[in-house]
Amino acid sequence: LYAAMGSEPTLDRFVLEAAHRGWNCFFPVMVKEAPTPQGS
């Protein structure tokens, strides 16, 4: 799924329904990983 950013449509009601159904809900995270060999 996703957490609404700015004016995006929100998934609040769906998250509650999915939890009620027992579904596993995942959300995105922007992760800083180890830099490339070039240091970027």
PDB file of all heavy atoms in Angstrom:
ATOM      1  N   LEU A   1       0.842  -1.194   0.000  1.00  0.00           N
ATOM      2  CA  LEU A   1       0.000   0.000   0.000  1.00  0.00           C
ATOM      3  C   LEU A   1       0.881   1.249   0.000  1.00  0.00           C
ATOM      4  O   LEU A   1       2.045   1.178  -0.345  1.00  0.00           O
ATOM      5  CB  LEU A   1      -0.918  -0.024   1.227  1.00  0.00           C
ATOM      6  CG  LEU A   1      -1.789  -1.281   1.367  1.00  0.00           C
ATOM      7  CD1 LEU A   1      -2.563  -1.257   2.682  1.00  0.00           C
ATOM      8  CD2 LEU A   1      -2.759  -1.383   0.188  1.00  0.00           C
ATOM      9  N   TYR A   2       0.324   2.388   0.373  1.00  0.00           N
ATOM     10  CA  TYR A   2       1.120   3.605   0.517  1.00  0.00           C
ATOM     11  C   TYR A   2       0.452   4.514   1.537  1.00  0.00           C
ATOM     12  O   TYR A   2      -0.759   4.418   1.784  1.00  0.00           O
ATOM     13  CB  TYR A   2       1.277   4.331  -0.830  1.00  0.00           C
ATOM     14  CG  TYR A   2      -0.004   4.955  -1.361  1.00  0.00           C
ATOM     15  CD1 TYR A   2      -0.384   6.245  -1.003  1.00  0.00           C
ATOM     16  CD2 TYR A   2      -0.842   4.250  -2.228  1.00  0.00           C
ATOM     17  CE1 TYR A   2      -1.559   6.810  -1.477  1.00  0.00           C
ATOM     18  CE2 TYR A   2      -2.017   4.797  -2.707  1.00  0.00           C
ATOM     19  CZ  TYR A   2      -2.368   6.091  -2.333  1.00  0.00           C
ATOM     20  OH  TYR A   2      -3.539   6.646  -2.801  1.00  0.00           O
ATOM     21  N   ALA A   3       1.234   5.374   2.158  1.00  0.00           N
ATOM     22  CA  ALA A   3       0.715   6.420   3.038  1.00  0.00           C
ATOM     23  C   ALA A   3       0.585   7.680   2.197  1.00  0.00           C
ATOM     24  O   ALA A   3       1.553   8.119   1.569  1.00  0.00           O
ATOM     25  CB  ALA A   3       1.655   6.645   4.216  1.00  0.00           C
ATOM     26  N   ALA A   4      -0.616   8.252   2.154  1.00  0.00           N
ATOM     27  CA  ALA A   4      -0.874   9.390   1.271  1.00  0.00           C
ATOM     28  C   ALA A   4       0.077  10.543   1.552  1.00  0.00           C
ATOM     29  O   ALA A   4       0.345  10.895   2.703  1.00  0.00           O
ATOM     30  CB  ALA A   4      -2.317   9.852   1.430  1.00  0.00           C
ATOM     31  N   MET A   5       0.583  11.127   0.477  1.00  0.00           N
ATOM     32  CA  MET A   5       1.490  12.268   0.549  1.00  0.00           C
ATOM     33  C   MET A   5       0.792  13.471  -0.076  1.00  0.00           C
ATOM     34  O   MET A   5       0.292  13.389  -1.199  1.00  0.00           O
ATOM     35  CB  MET A   5       2.789  11.945  -0.195  1.00  0.00           C
ATOM     36  CG  MET A   5       3.810  13.052  -0.190  1.00  0.00           C
ATOM     37  SD  MET A   5       5.405  12.524  -0.893  1.00  0.00           S
ATOM     38  CE  MET A   5       4.934  12.150  -2.596  1.00  0.00           C
ATOM     39  N   GLY A   6       0.732  14.566   0.660  1.00  0.00           N
ATOM     40  CA  GLY A   6       0.073  15.753   0.129  1.00  0.00           C
ATOM     41  C   GLY A   6      -1.398  15.494  -0.123  1.00  0.00           C
ATOM     42  O   GLY A   6      -2.131  15.028   0.746  1.00  0.00           O
ATOM     43  N   SER A   7      -1.834  15.759  -1.348  1.00  0.00           N
ATOM     44  CA  SER A   7      -3.253  15.652  -1.693  1.00  0.00           C
ATOM     45  C   SER A   7      -3.626  14.311  -2.329  1.00  0.00           C
ATOM     46  O   SER A   7      -4.700  14.182  -2.914  1.00  0.00           O
ATOM     47  CB  SER A   7      -3.643  16.792  -2.643  1.00  0.00           C
ATOM     48  OG  SER A   7      -2.807  16.793  -3.801  1.00  0.00           O
ATOM     49  N   GLU A   8      -2.762  13.314  -2.228  1.00  0.00           N
ATOM     50  CA  GLU A   8      -3.095  11.990  -2.753  1.00  0.00           C
ATOM     51  C   GLU A   8      -4.336  11.426  -2.061  1.00  0.00           C
ATOM     52  O   GLU A   8      -4.594  11.732  -0.886  1.00  0.00           O
ATOM     53  CB  GLU A   8      -1.935  11.016  -2.533  1.00  0.00           C
ATOM     54  CG  GLU A   8      -0.723  11.278  -3.392  1.00  0.00           C
ATOM     55  CD  GLU A   8       0.422  10.321  -3.086  1.00  0.00           C
ATOM     56  OE1 GLU A   8       0.432   9.720  -1.994  1.00  0.00           O
ATOM     57  OE2 GLU A   8       1.308  10.192  -3.936  1.00  0.00           O
ATOM     58  N   PRO A   9      -5.116  10.587  -2.740  1.00  0.00           N
ATOM     59  CA  PRO A   9      -6.232   9.924  -2.059  1.00  0.00           C
ATOM     60  C   PRO A   9      -5.714   9.025  -0.944  1.00  0.00           C
ATOM     61  O   PRO A   9      -4.699   8.343  -1.103  1.00  0.00           O
ATOM     62  CB  PRO A   9      -6.914   9.117  -3.167  1.00  0.00           C
ATOM     63  CG  PRO A   9      -5.917   9.021  -4.272  1.00  0.00           C
ATOM     64  CD  PRO A   9      -5.037  10.219  -4.167  1.00  0.00           C
ATOM     65  N   THR A  10      -6.388   9.057   0.179  1.00  0.00           N
ATOM     66  CA  THR A  10      -5.933   8.297   1.333  1.00  0.00           C
ATOM     67  C   THR A  10      -6.512   6.885   1.347  1.00  0.00           C
ATOM     68  O   THR A  10      -7.644   6.665   0.895  1.00  0.00           O
ATOM     69  CB  THR A  10      -6.294   9.021   2.640  1.00  0.00           C
ATOM     70  OG1 THR A  10      -5.913   8.208   3.739  1.00  0.00           O
ATOM     71  CG2 THR A  10      -7.788   9.298   2.722  1.00  0.00           C
ATOM     72  N   LEU A  11      -5.747   5.950   1.882  1.00  0.00           N
ATOM     73  CA  LEU A  11      -6.161   4.551   1.976  1.00  0.00           C
ATOM     74  C   LEU A  11      -6.657   4.188   3.371  1.00  0.00           C
ATOM     75  O   LEU A  11      -6.767   3.004   3.696  1.00  0.00           O
ATOM     76  CB  LEU A  11      -4.986   3.640   1.596  1.00  0.00           C
ATOM     77  CG  LEU A  11      -4.598   3.621   0.114  1.00  0.00           C
ATOM     78  CD1 LEU A  11      -3.260   2.911  -0.072  1.00  0.00           C
ATOM     79  CD2 LEU A  11      -5.660   2.940  -0.721  1.00  0.00           C
ATOM     80  N   ASP A  12      -6.977   5.173   4.189  1.00  0.00           N
ATOM     81  CA  ASP A  12      -7.327   4.914   5.587  1.00  0.00           C
ATOM     82  C   ASP A  12      -8.410   3.850   5.742  1.00  0.00           C
ATOM     83  O   ASP A  12      -8.265   2.904   6.532  1.00  0.00           O
ATOM     84  CB  ASP A  12      -7.788   6.204   6.269  1.00  0.00           C
ATOM     85  CG  ASP A  12      -6.648   7.197   6.462  1.00  0.00           C
ATOM     86  OD1 ASP A  12      -5.498   6.881   6.073  1.00  0.00           O
ATOM     87  OD2 ASP A  12      -6.905   8.290   6.989  1.00  0.00           O
ATOM     88  N   ARG A  13      -9.511   3.993   5.034  1.00  0.00           N
ATOM     89  CA  ARG A  13     -10.609   3.045   5.203  1.00  0.00           C
ATOM     90  C   ARG A  13     -10.214   1.654   4.718  1.00  0.00           C
ATOM     91  O   ARG A  13     -10.580   0.647   5.324  1.00  0.00           O
ATOM     92  CB  ARG A  13     -11.859   3.516   4.458  1.00  0.00           C
ATOM     93  CG  ARG A  13     -13.032   2.547   4.566  1.00  0.00           C
ATOM     94  CD  ARG A  13     -14.336   3.130   4.090  1.00  0.00           C
ATOM     95  NE  ARG A  13     -14.801   4.191   4.973  1.00  0.00           N
ATOM     96  CZ  ARG A  13     -16.024   4.734   4.902  1.00  0.00           C
ATOM     97  NH1 ARG A  13     -16.891   4.302   3.988  1.00  0.00           N
ATOM     98  NH2 ARG A  13     -16.372   5.694   5.723  1.00  0.00           N
ATOM     99  N   PHE A  14      -9.458   1.595   3.630  1.00  0.00           N
ATOM    100  CA  PHE A  14      -9.043   0.286   3.120  1.00  0.00           C
ATOM    101  C   PHE A  14      -8.124  -0.424   4.106  1.00  0.00           C
ATOM    102  O   PHE A  14      -8.222  -1.642   4.289  1.00  0.00           O
ATOM    103  CB  PHE A  14      -8.328   0.416   1.776  1.00  0.00           C
ATOM    104  CG  PHE A  14      -7.801  -0.893   1.275  1.00  0.00           C
ATOM    105  CD1 PHE A  14      -8.635  -1.804   0.651  1.00  0.00           C
ATOM    106  CD2 PHE A  14      -6.464  -1.245   1.477  1.00  0.00           C
ATOM    107  CE1 PHE A  14      -8.155  -3.039   0.226  1.00  0.00           C
ATOM    108  CE2 PHE A  14      -5.981  -2.473   1.052  1.00  0.00           C
ATOM    109  CZ  PHE A  14      -6.837  -3.366   0.423  1.00  0.00           C
ATOM    110  N   VAL A  15      -7.213   0.306   4.743  1.00  0.00           N
ATOM    111  CA  VAL A  15      -6.292  -0.310   5.704  1.00  0.00           C
ATOM    112  C   VAL A  15      -7.069  -0.984   6.830  1.00  0.00           C
ATOM    113  O   VAL A  15      -6.749  -2.112   7.244  1.00  0.00           O
ATOM    114  CB  VAL A  15      -5.307   0.739   6.261  1.00  0.00           C
ATOM    115  CG1 VAL A  15      -4.467   0.142   7.394  1.00  0.00           C
ATOM    116  CG2 VAL A  15      -4.390   1.257   5.158  1.00  0.00           C
ATOM    117  N   LEU A  16      -8.103  -0.327   7.322  1.00  0.00           N
ATOM    118  CA  LEU A  16      -8.921  -0.922   8.385  1.00  0.00           C
ATOM    119  C   LEU A  16      -9.632  -2.174   7.899  1.00  0.00           C
ATOM    120  O   LEU A  16      -9.699  -3.186   8.605  1.00  0.00           O
ATOM    121  CB  LEU A  16      -9.936   0.104   8.892  1.00  0.00           C
ATOM    122  CG  LEU A  16      -9.366   1.325   9.610  1.00  0.00           C
ATOM    123  CD1 LEU A  16     -10.487   2.273  10.004  1.00  0.00           C
ATOM    124  CD2 LEU A  16      -8.578   0.913  10.845  1.00  0.00           C
ATOM    125  N   GLU A  17     -10.163  -2.125   6.674  1.00  0.00           N
ATOM    126  CA  GLU A  17     -10.860  -3.282   6.113  1.00  0.00           C
ATOM    127  C   GLU A  17      -9.891  -4.437   5.887  1.00  0.00           C
ATOM    128  O   GLU A  17     -10.207  -5.598   6.168  1.00  0.00           O
ATOM    129  CB  GLU A  17     -11.537  -2.892   4.800  1.00  0.00           C
ATOM    130  CG  GLU A  17     -12.195  -4.029   4.040  1.00  0.00           C
ATOM    131  CD  GLU A  17     -13.382  -4.639   4.778  1.00  0.00           C
ATOM    132  OE1 GLU A  17     -13.947  -3.979   5.667  1.00  0.00           O
ATOM    133  OE2 GLU A  17     -13.748  -5.788   4.449  1.00  0.00           O
ATOM    134  N   ALA A  18      -8.703  -4.129   5.369  1.00  0.00           N
ATOM    135  CA  ALA A  18      -7.707  -5.176   5.125  1.00  0.00           C
ATOM    136  C   ALA A  18      -7.278  -5.830   6.428  1.00  0.00           C
ATOM    137  O   ALA A  18      -7.113  -7.054   6.508  1.00  0.00           O
ATOM    138  CB  ALA A  18      -6.498  -4.573   4.403  1.00  0.00           C
ATOM    139  N   ALA A  19      -7.102  -5.018   7.473  1.00  0.00           N
ATOM    140  CA  ALA A  19      -6.730  -5.566   8.777  1.00  0.00           C
ATOM    141  C   ALA A  19      -7.838  -6.480   9.301  1.00  0.00           C
ATOM    142  O   ALA A  19      -7.563  -7.537   9.886  1.00  0.00           O
ATOM    143  CB  ALA A  19      -6.455  -4.433   9.759  1.00  0.00           C
ATOM    144  N   HIS A  20      -9.089  -6.068   9.105  1.00  0.00           N
ATOM    145  CA  HIS A  20     -10.226  -6.888   9.539  1.00  0.00           C
ATOM    146  C   HIS A  20     -10.235  -8.229   8.817  1.00  0.00           C
ATOM    147  O   HIS A  20     -10.588  -9.260   9.401  1.00  0.00           O
ATOM    148  CB  HIS A  20     -11.526  -6.129   9.282  1.00  0.00           C
ATOM    149  CG  HIS A  20     -12.761  -6.907   9.647  1.00  0.00           C
ATOM    150  ND1 HIS A  20     -13.145  -7.125  10.958  1.00  0.00           N
ATOM    151  CD2 HIS A  20     -13.697  -7.539   8.866  1.00  0.00           C
ATOM    152  CE1 HIS A  20     -14.250  -7.844  10.976  1.00  0.00           C
ATOM    153  NE2 HIS A  20     -14.605  -8.104   9.732  1.00  0.00           N
ATOM    154  N   ARG A  21      -9.822  -8.233   7.562  1.00  0.00           N
ATOM    155  CA  ARG A  21      -9.772  -9.469   6.783  1.00  0.00           C
ATOM    156  C   ARG A  21      -8.558 -10.331   7.146  1.00  0.00           C
ATOM    157  O   ARG A  21      -8.449 -11.473   6.703  1.00  0.00           O
ATOM    158  CB  ARG A  21      -9.719  -9.151   5.285  1.00  0.00           C
ATOM    159  CG  ARG A  21     -10.982  -8.539   4.704  1.00  0.00           C
ATOM    160  CD  ARG A  21     -10.750  -8.161   3.244  1.00  0.00           C
ATOM    161  NE  ARG A  21     -11.914  -7.553   2.634  1.00  0.00           N
ATOM    162  CZ  ARG A  21     -12.870  -8.215   1.989  1.00  0.00           C
ATOM    163  NH1 ARG A  21     -12.784  -9.531   1.868  1.00  0.00           N
ATOM    164  NH2 ARG A  21     -13.886  -7.571   1.454  1.00  0.00           N
ATOM    165  N   GLY A  22      -7.623  -9.762   7.894  1.00  0.00           N
ATOM    166  CA  GLY A  22      -6.420 -10.501   8.248  1.00  0.00           C
ATOM    167  C   GLY A  22      -5.323 -10.411   7.210  1.00  0.00           C
ATOM    168  O   GLY A  22      -4.357 -11.188   7.255  1.00  0.00           O
ATOM    169  N   TRP A  23      -5.427  -9.466   6.281  1.00  0.00           N
ATOM    170  CA  TRP A  23      -4.401  -9.308   5.257  1.00  0.00           C
ATOM    171  C   TRP A  23      -3.166  -8.622   5.852  1.00  0.00           C
ATOM    172  O   TRP A  23      -3.265  -7.831   6.784  1.00  0.00           O
ATOM    173  CB  TRP A  23      -4.923  -8.473   4.097  1.00  0.00           C
ATOM    174  CG  TRP A  23      -6.040  -9.124   3.337  1.00  0.00           C
ATOM    175  CD1 TRP A  23      -6.594 -10.354   3.563  1.00  0.00           C
ATOM    176  CD2 TRP A  23      -6.751  -8.557   2.233  1.00  0.00           C
ATOM    177  NE1 TRP A  23      -7.607 -10.601   2.668  1.00  0.00           N
ATOM    178  CE2 TRP A  23      -7.727  -9.513   1.838  1.00  0.00           C
ATOM    179  CE3 TRP A  23      -6.681  -7.359   1.539  1.00  0.00           C
ATOM    180  CZ2 TRP A  23      -8.600  -9.287   0.781  1.00  0.00           C
ATOM    181  CZ3 TRP A  23      -7.548  -7.131   0.482  1.00  0.00           C
ATOM    182  CH2 TRP A  23      -8.495  -8.087   0.107  1.00  0.00           C
ATOM    183  N   ASN A  24      -2.010  -8.931   5.290  1.00  0.00           N
ATOM    184  CA  ASN A  24      -0.754  -8.302   5.700  1.00  0.00           C
ATOM    185  C   ASN A  24      -0.551  -7.016   4.897  1.00  0.00           C
ATOM    186  O   ASN A  24      -0.476  -7.063   3.665  1.00  0.00           O
ATOM    187  CB  ASN A  24       0.426  -9.242   5.470  1.00  0.00           C
ATOM    188  CG  ASN A  24       0.301 -10.526   6.271  1.00  0.00           C
ATOM    189  OD1 ASN A  24      -0.039 -10.504   7.454  1.00  0.00           O
ATOM    190  ND2 ASN A  24       0.572 -11.658   5.637  1.00  0.00           N
ATOM    191  N   CYS A  25      -0.462  -5.879   5.583  1.00  0.00           N
ATOM    192  CA  CYS A  25      -0.335  -4.580   4.928  1.00  0.00           C
ATOM    193  C   CYS A  25       1.092  -4.055   5.042  1.00  0.00           C
ATOM    194  O   CYS A  25       1.648  -3.995   6.144  1.00  0.00           O
ATOM    195  CB  CYS A  25      -1.307  -3.581   5.553  1.00  0.00           C
ATOM    196  SG  CYS A  25      -3.047  -4.001   5.313  1.00  0.00           S
ATOM    197  N   PHE A  26       1.662  -3.684   3.911  1.00  0.00           N
ATOM    198  CA  PHE A  26       3.032  -3.176   3.863  1.00  0.00           C
ATOM    199  C   PHE A  26       3.028  -1.760   3.279  1.00  0.00           C
ATOM    200  O   PHE A  26       2.211  -1.449   2.410  1.00  0.00           O
ATOM    201  CB  PHE A  26       3.912  -4.076   2.994  1.00  0.00           C
ATOM    202  CG  PHE A  26       4.205  -5.422   3.595  1.00  0.00           C
ATOM    203  CD1 PHE A  26       3.245  -6.424   3.586  1.00  0.00           C
ATOM    204  CD2 PHE A  26       5.448  -5.703   4.159  1.00  0.00           C
ATOM    205  CE1 PHE A  26       3.509  -7.680   4.131  1.00  0.00           C
ATOM    206  CE2 PHE A  26       5.718  -6.944   4.707  1.00  0.00           C
ATOM    207  CZ  PHE A  26       4.754  -7.942   4.694  1.00  0.00           C
ATOM    208  N   PHE A  27       3.978  -0.945   3.738  1.00  0.00           N
ATOM    209  CA  PHE A  27       4.052   0.444   3.311  1.00  0.00           C
ATOM    210  C   PHE A  27       5.481   0.783   2.888  1.00  0.00           C
ATOM    211  O   PHE A  27       6.441   0.247   3.445  1.00  0.00           O
ATOM    212  CB  PHE A  27       3.593   1.369   4.440  1.00  0.00           C
ATOM    213  CG  PHE A  27       2.154   1.183   4.798  1.00  0.00           C
ATOM    214  CD1 PHE A  27       1.776   0.192   5.693  1.00  0.00           C
ATOM    215  CD2 PHE A  27       1.169   1.968   4.206  1.00  0.00           C
ATOM    216  CE1 PHE A  27       0.435  -0.006   6.007  1.00  0.00           C
ATOM    217  CE2 PHE A  27      -0.165   1.780   4.518  1.00  0.00           C
ATOM    218  CZ  PHE A  27      -0.537   0.790   5.415  1.00  0.00           C
ATOM    219  N   PRO A  28       5.637   1.676   1.909  1.00  0.00           N
ATOM    220  CA  PRO A  28       6.974   1.974   1.385  1.00  0.00           C
ATOM    221  C   PRO A  28       7.812   2.853   2.312  1.00  0.00           C
ATOM    222  O   PRO A  28       7.291   3.721   3.013  1.00  0.00           O
ATOM    223  CB  PRO A  28       6.678   2.708   0.069  1.00  0.00           C
ATOM    224  CG  PRO A  28       5.333   3.325   0.277  1.00  0.00           C
ATOM    225  CD  PRO A  28       4.583   2.388   1.172  1.00  0.00           C
ATOM    226  N   VAL A  29       9.109   2.590   2.276  1.00  0.00           N
ATOM    227  CA  VAL A  29      10.097   3.396   2.997  1.00  0.00           C
ATOM    228  C   VAL A  29      11.249   3.663   2.035  1.00  0.00           C
ATOM    229  O   VAL A  29      11.752   2.740   1.387  1.00  0.00           O
ATOM    230  CB  VAL A  29      10.661   2.650   4.231  1.00  0.00           C
ATOM    231  CG1 VAL A  29      11.525   3.601   5.050  1.00  0.00           C
ATOM    232  CG2 VAL A  29       9.566   2.054   5.073  1.00  0.00           C
ATOM    233  N   MET A  30      11.649   4.910   1.939  1.00  0.00           N
ATOM    234  CA  MET A  30      12.817   5.246   1.126  1.00  0.00           C
ATOM    235  C   MET A  30      14.059   5.063   2.000  1.00  0.00           C
ATOM    236  O   MET A  30      14.252   5.797   2.981  1.00  0.00           O
ATOM    237  CB  MET A  30      12.719   6.686   0.611  1.00  0.00           C
ATOM    238  CG  MET A  30      11.433   6.978  -0.161  1.00  0.00           C
ATOM    239  SD  MET A  30      11.119   5.800  -1.505  1.00  0.00           S
ATOM    240  CE  MET A  30      12.539   6.119  -2.552  1.00  0.00           C
ATOM    241  N   VAL A  31      14.868   4.064   1.670  1.00  0.00           N
ATOM    242  CA  VAL A  31      15.987   3.668   2.529  1.00  0.00           C
ATOM    243  C   VAL A  31      17.323   4.074   1.908  1.00  0.00           C
ATOM    244  O   VAL A  31      17.585   3.807   0.734  1.00  0.00           O
ATOM    245  CB  VAL A  31      15.968   2.142   2.768  1.00  0.00           C
ATOM    246  CG1 VAL A  31      17.131   1.728   3.668  1.00  0.00           C
ATOM    247  CG2 VAL A  31      14.640   1.708   3.384  1.00  0.00           C
ATOM    248  N   LYS A  32      18.157   4.736   2.727  1.00  0.00           N
ATOM    249  CA  LYS A  32      19.521   5.066   2.301  1.00  0.00           C
ATOM    250  C   LYS A  32      20.384   3.834   2.470  1.00  0.00           C
ATOM    251  O   LYS A  32      20.662   3.400   3.590  1.00  0.00           O
ATOM    252  CB  LYS A  32      20.089   6.205   3.155  1.00  0.00           C
ATOM    253  CG  LYS A  32      19.359   7.521   3.048  1.00  0.00           C
ATOM    254  CD  LYS A  32      19.987   8.526   4.004  1.00  0.00           C
ATOM    255  CE  LYS A  32      19.205   9.814   4.073  1.00  0.00           C
ATOM    256  NZ  LYS A  32      19.758  10.744   5.089  1.00  0.00           N
ATOM    257  N   GLU A  33      20.822   3.265   1.354  1.00  0.00           N
ATOM    258  CA  GLU A  33      21.675   2.087   1.399  1.00  0.00           C
ATOM    259  C   GLU A  33      23.136   2.507   1.300  1.00  0.00           C
ATOM    260  O   GLU A  33      23.461   3.693   1.159  1.00  0.00           O
ATOM    261  CB  GLU A  33      21.303   1.136   0.265  1.00  0.00           C
ATOM    262  CG  GLU A  33      19.875   0.595   0.372  1.00  0.00           C
ATOM    263  CD  GLU A  33      19.550  -0.413  -0.714  1.00  0.00           C
ATOM    264  OE1 GLU A  33      20.239  -0.388  -1.761  1.00  0.00           O
ATOM    265  OE2 GLU A  33      18.616  -1.209  -0.522  1.00  0.00           O
ATOM    266  N   ALA A  34      24.025   1.521   1.366  1.00  0.00           N
ATOM    267  CA  ALA A  34      25.462   1.803   1.245  1.00  0.00           C
ATOM    268  C   ALA A  34      25.733   2.498  -0.089  1.00  0.00           C
ATOM    269  O   ALA A  34      25.119   2.169  -1.103  1.00  0.00           O
ATOM    270  CB  ALA A  34      26.253   0.505   1.335  1.00  0.00           C
ATOM    271  N   PRO A  35      26.625   3.488  -0.105  1.00  0.00           N
ATOM    272  CA  PRO A  35      26.906   4.205  -1.346  1.00  0.00           C
ATOM    273  C   PRO A  35      27.484   3.292  -2.433  1.00  0.00           C
ATOM    274  O   PRO A  35      28.026   2.230  -2.141  1.00  0.00           O
ATOM    275  CB  PRO A  35      27.910   5.282  -0.939  1.00  0.00           C
ATOM    276  CG  PRO A  35      28.225   5.069   0.481  1.00  0.00           C
ATOM    277  CD  PRO A  35      27.412   3.941   1.010  1.00  0.00           C
ATOM    278  N   THR A  36      27.340   3.723  -3.661  1.00  0.00           N
ATOM    279  CA  THR A  36      27.915   2.991  -4.789  1.00  0.00           C
ATOM    280  C   THR A  36      29.438   3.061  -4.707  1.00  0.00           C
ATOM    281  O   THR A  36      29.991   3.879  -3.955  1.00  0.00           O
ATOM    282  CB  THR A  36      27.456   3.616  -6.118  1.00  0.00           C
ATOM    283  OG1 THR A  36      27.976   4.955  -6.196  1.00  0.00           O
ATOM    284  CG2 THR A  36      25.937   3.652  -6.201  1.00  0.00           C
ATOM    285  N   PRO A  37      30.143   2.213  -5.468  1.00  0.00           N
ATOM    286  CA  PRO A  37      31.622   2.281  -5.473  1.00  0.00           C
ATOM    287  C   PRO A  37      32.153   3.669  -5.827  1.00  0.00           C
ATOM    288  O   PRO A  37      33.255   4.044  -5.435  1.00  0.00           O
ATOM    289  CB  PRO A  37      32.014   1.254  -6.537  1.00  0.00           C
ATOM    290  CG  PRO A  37      30.881   0.270  -6.523  1.00  0.00           C
ATOM    291  CD  PRO A  37      29.652   1.073  -6.259  1.00  0.00           C
ATOM    292  N   GLN A  38      31.364   4.428  -6.558  1.00  0.00           N
ATOM    293  CA  GLN A  38      31.776   5.778  -6.930  1.00  0.00           C
ATOM    294  C   GLN A  38      31.488   6.789  -5.816  1.00  0.00           C
ATOM    295  O   GLN A  38      31.805   7.975  -5.935  1.00  0.00           O
ATOM    296  CB  GLN A  38      31.060   6.230  -8.210  1.00  0.00           C
ATOM    297  CG  GLN A  38      31.453   5.453  -9.460  1.00  0.00           C
ATOM    298  CD  GLN A  38      30.858   4.049  -9.486  1.00  0.00           C
ATOM    299  OE1 GLN A  38      29.759   3.827  -8.963  1.00  0.00           O
ATOM    300  NE2 GLN A  38      31.568   3.116 -10.110  1.00  0.00           N
ATOM    301  N   GLY A  39      30.860   6.320  -4.734  1.00  0.00           N
ATOM    302  CA  GLY A  39      30.577   7.205  -3.607  1.00  0.00           C
ATOM    303  C   GLY A  39      29.241   7.906  -3.670  1.00  0.00           C
ATOM    304  O   GLY A  39      28.905   8.706  -2.796  1.00  0.00           O
ATOM    305  N   SER A  40      28.448   7.619  -4.713  1.00  0.00           N
ATOM    306  CA  SER A  40      27.148   8.280  -4.850  1.00  0.00           C
ATOM    307  C   SER A  40      26.143   7.674  -3.866  1.00  0.00           C
ATOM    308  O   SER A  40      26.159   6.461  -3.628  1.00  0.00           O
ATOM    309  CB  SER A  40      26.608   8.113  -6.279  1.00  0.00           C
ATOM    310  OG  SER A  40      27.519   8.648  -7.212  1.00  0.00           O
TER     311      SER A  40
END
